[in-house]
Amino acid sequence: MWLPTPLYERIPQFWLLIGLLFMSSGTYLGFDYSLSFVYFGVGFVCLIWSVAVFVKRSRYRSDSTRSAIPTIDEEDNQKQEQAEDQAETPVGHGS
């Protein structure tokens, strides 16, 4: 599934907002309400998930050993070069 870049970049902030909303809803309902602990749990999981996604992205982007991801044009050029090489290489041996 493809997401537009601005939306993709905001996903950790979205999860952070959802987590804070769940935790604040649990606080608003009070500890007498039995589902308030569920609200806190879901909010905490969302907060942890947002931090995990942010950290993984920042580590991946700062990793200098990773190879560049080829674009579609580069992949097409590589396939075309491979096809040309195969066409030039004789099949079998001549006697």
C-alpha atoms as a PDB file:
ATOM      1  CA  MET A   1       0.000   0.000   0.000  1.00  0.00           C
ATOM      2  CA  TRP A   2       1.421   3.359  -1.024  1.00  0.00           C
ATOM      3  CA  LEU A   3       0.936   6.401   1.177  1.00  0.00           C
ATOM      4  CA  PRO A   4       1.744   9.992   0.237  1.00  0.00           C
ATOM      5  CA  THR A   5       5.021  11.148   1.790  1.00  0.00           C
ATOM      6  CA  PRO A   6       3.512  13.778   4.138  1.00  0.00           C
ATOM      7  CA  LEU A   7       1.103  11.198   5.532  1.00  0.00           C
ATOM      8  CA  TYR A   8       3.803   8.522   5.832  1.00  0.00           C
ATOM      9  CA  GLU A   9       6.097  10.892   7.721  1.00  0.00           C
ATOM     10  CA  ARG A  10       3.360  11.745  10.240  1.00  0.00           C
ATOM     11  CA  ILE A  11       2.452   8.177  11.251  1.00  0.00           C
ATOM     12  CA  PRO A  12       4.497   8.200  14.505  1.00  0.00           C
ATOM     13  CA  GLN A  13       2.827  11.467  15.507  1.00  0.00           C
ATOM     14  CA  PHE A  14      -0.571   9.951  14.744  1.00  0.00           C
ATOM     15  CA  TRP A  15       0.117   6.989  17.039  1.00  0.00           C
ATOM     16  CA  LEU A  16       1.382   9.348  19.731  1.00  0.00           C
ATOM     17  CA  LEU A  17      -1.824  11.408  19.503  1.00  0.00           C
ATOM     18  CA  ILE A  18      -4.015   8.293  19.658  1.00  0.00           C
ATOM     19  CA  GLY A  19      -2.090   7.045  22.693  1.00  0.00           C
ATOM     20  CA  LEU A  20      -2.443  10.349  24.491  1.00  0.00           C
ATOM     21  CA  LEU A  21      -6.161  10.483  23.696  1.00  0.00           C
ATOM     22  CA  PHE A  22      -6.710   6.995  25.084  1.00  0.00           C
ATOM     23  CA  MET A  23      -4.749   7.769  28.226  1.00  0.00           C
ATOM     24  CA  SER A  24      -6.565  11.054  28.780  1.00  0.00           C
ATOM     25  CA  SER A  25      -9.909   9.291  28.220  1.00  0.00           C
ATOM     26  CA  GLY A  26      -8.964   6.757  30.868  1.00  0.00           C
ATOM     27  CA  THR A  27      -8.127   9.588  33.244  1.00  0.00           C
ATOM     28  CA  TYR A  28     -11.365  11.407  32.460  1.00  0.00           C
ATOM     29  CA  LEU A  29     -13.456   8.308  33.129  1.00  0.00           C
ATOM     30  CA  GLY A  30     -11.688   7.725  36.432  1.00  0.00           C
ATOM     31  CA  PHE A  31     -10.340   4.605  38.044  1.00  0.00           C
ATOM     32  CA  ASP A  32     -13.775   3.555  39.288  1.00  0.00           C
ATOM     33  CA  TYR A  33     -14.768   2.762  35.710  1.00  0.00           C
ATOM     34  CA  SER A  34     -13.648  -0.791  34.916  1.00  0.00           C
ATOM     35  CA  LEU A  35     -12.526  -0.085  31.332  1.00  0.00           C
ATOM     36  CA  SER A  36     -10.264   2.812  32.296  1.00  0.00           C
ATOM     37  CA  PHE A  37      -7.392   0.351  32.717  1.00  0.00           C
ATOM     38  CA  VAL A  38      -8.012  -0.923  29.187  1.00  0.00           C
ATOM     39  CA  TYR A  39      -7.886   2.668  27.932  1.00  0.00           C
ATOM     40  CA  PHE A  40      -4.565   3.165  29.714  1.00  0.00           C
ATOM     41  CA  GLY A  41      -3.215  -0.100  28.298  1.00  0.00           C
ATOM     42  CA  VAL A  42      -4.178   0.729  24.722  1.00  0.00           C
ATOM     43  CA  GLY A  43      -2.803   4.247  25.135  1.00  0.00           C
ATOM     44  CA  PHE A  44       0.484   2.935  26.493  1.00  0.00           C
ATOM     45  CA  VAL A  45       0.835   0.451  23.624  1.00  0.00           C
ATOM     46  CA  CYS A  46       0.178   3.239  21.105  1.00  0.00           C
ATOM     47  CA  LEU A  47       2.802   5.449  22.764  1.00  0.00           C
ATOM     48  CA  ILE A  48       5.395   2.659  22.723  1.00  0.00           C
ATOM     49  CA  TRP A  49       4.575   1.870  19.094  1.00  0.00           C
ATOM     50  CA  SER A  50       5.019   5.500  18.041  1.00  0.00           C
ATOM     51  CA  VAL A  51       8.416   5.705  19.734  1.00  0.00           C
ATOM     52  CA  ALA A  52       9.489   2.375  18.190  1.00  0.00           C
ATOM     53  CA  VAL A  53       8.552   3.480  14.667  1.00  0.00           C
ATOM     54  CA  PHE A  54      10.333   6.814  15.129  1.00  0.00           C
ATOM     55  CA  VAL A  55      13.511   5.156  16.450  1.00  0.00           C
ATOM     56  CA  LYS A  56      13.567   2.501  13.706  1.00  0.00           C
ATOM     57  CA  ARG A  57      13.158   5.122  10.987  1.00  0.00           C
ATOM     58  CA  SER A  58      15.842   7.377  12.411  1.00  0.00           C
ATOM     59  CA  ARG A  59      18.297   4.457  12.753  1.00  0.00           C
ATOM     60  CA  TYR A  60      17.589   3.281   9.217  1.00  0.00           C
ATOM     61  CA  ARG A  61      18.055   6.763   7.781  1.00  0.00           C
ATOM     62  CA  SER A  62      21.310   7.350   9.641  1.00  0.00           C
ATOM     63  CA  ASP A  63      22.796   3.963   8.662  1.00  0.00           C
ATOM     64  CA  SER A  64      25.580   4.699   6.186  1.00  0.00           C
ATOM     65  CA  THR A  65      26.181   1.031   5.287  1.00  0.00           C
ATOM     66  CA  ARG A  66      22.810   0.496   3.644  1.00  0.00           C
ATOM     67  CA  SER A  67      22.706   0.423  -0.118  1.00  0.00           C
ATOM     68  CA  ALA A  68      20.615   2.872  -2.054  1.00  0.00           C
ATOM     69  CA  ILE A  69      17.221   1.620  -3.138  1.00  0.00           C
ATOM     70  CA  PRO A  70      17.076   1.620  -6.932  1.00  0.00           C
ATOM     71  CA  THR A  71      14.337   3.638  -8.575  1.00  0.00           C
ATOM     72  CA  ILE A  72      12.009   2.174 -11.169  1.00  0.00           C
ATOM     73  CA  ASP A  73      14.039   3.749 -13.984  1.00  0.00           C
ATOM     74  CA  GLU A  74      17.279   2.244 -12.663  1.00  0.00           C
ATOM     75  CA  GLU A  75      15.642  -1.189 -12.401  1.00  0.00           C
ATOM     76  CA  ASP A  76      14.384  -0.912 -15.993  1.00  0.00           C
ATOM     77  CA  ASN A  77      17.870   0.057 -17.177  1.00  0.00           C
ATOM     78  CA  GLN A  78      19.402  -2.923 -15.346  1.00  0.00           C
ATOM     79  CA  LYS A  79      16.873  -5.317 -16.889  1.00  0.00           C
ATOM     80  CA  GLN A  80      17.487  -3.881 -20.335  1.00  0.00           C
ATOM     81  CA  GLU A  81      21.262  -4.262 -19.931  1.00  0.00           C
ATOM     82  CA  GLN A  82      20.833  -7.862 -18.792  1.00  0.00           C
ATOM     83  CA  ALA A  83      18.628  -8.606 -21.792  1.00  0.00           C
ATOM     84  CA  GLU A  84      21.212  -7.083 -24.151  1.00  0.00           C
ATOM     85  CA  ASP A  85      24.005  -9.104 -22.533  1.00  0.00           C
ATOM     86  CA  GLN A  86      22.023 -12.309 -22.962  1.00  0.00           C
ATOM     87  CA  ALA A  87      21.289 -11.482 -26.595  1.00  0.00           C
ATOM     88  CA  GLU A  88      25.000 -10.907 -27.304  1.00  0.00           C
ATOM     89  CA  THR A  89      26.168 -14.089 -25.584  1.00  0.00           C
ATOM     90  CA  PRO A  90      26.106 -17.048 -27.975  1.00  0.00           C
ATOM     91  CA  VAL A  91      24.103 -20.021 -26.816  1.00  0.00           C
ATOM     92  CA  GLY A  92      25.919 -23.361 -27.058  1.00  0.00           C
ATOM     93  CA  HIS A  93      29.298 -23.899 -28.705  1.00  0.00           C
ATOM     94  CA  GLY A  94      30.169 -23.704 -32.271  1.00  0.00           C
ATOM     95  CA  SER A  95      31.987 -26.630 -33.858  1.00  0.00           C
END
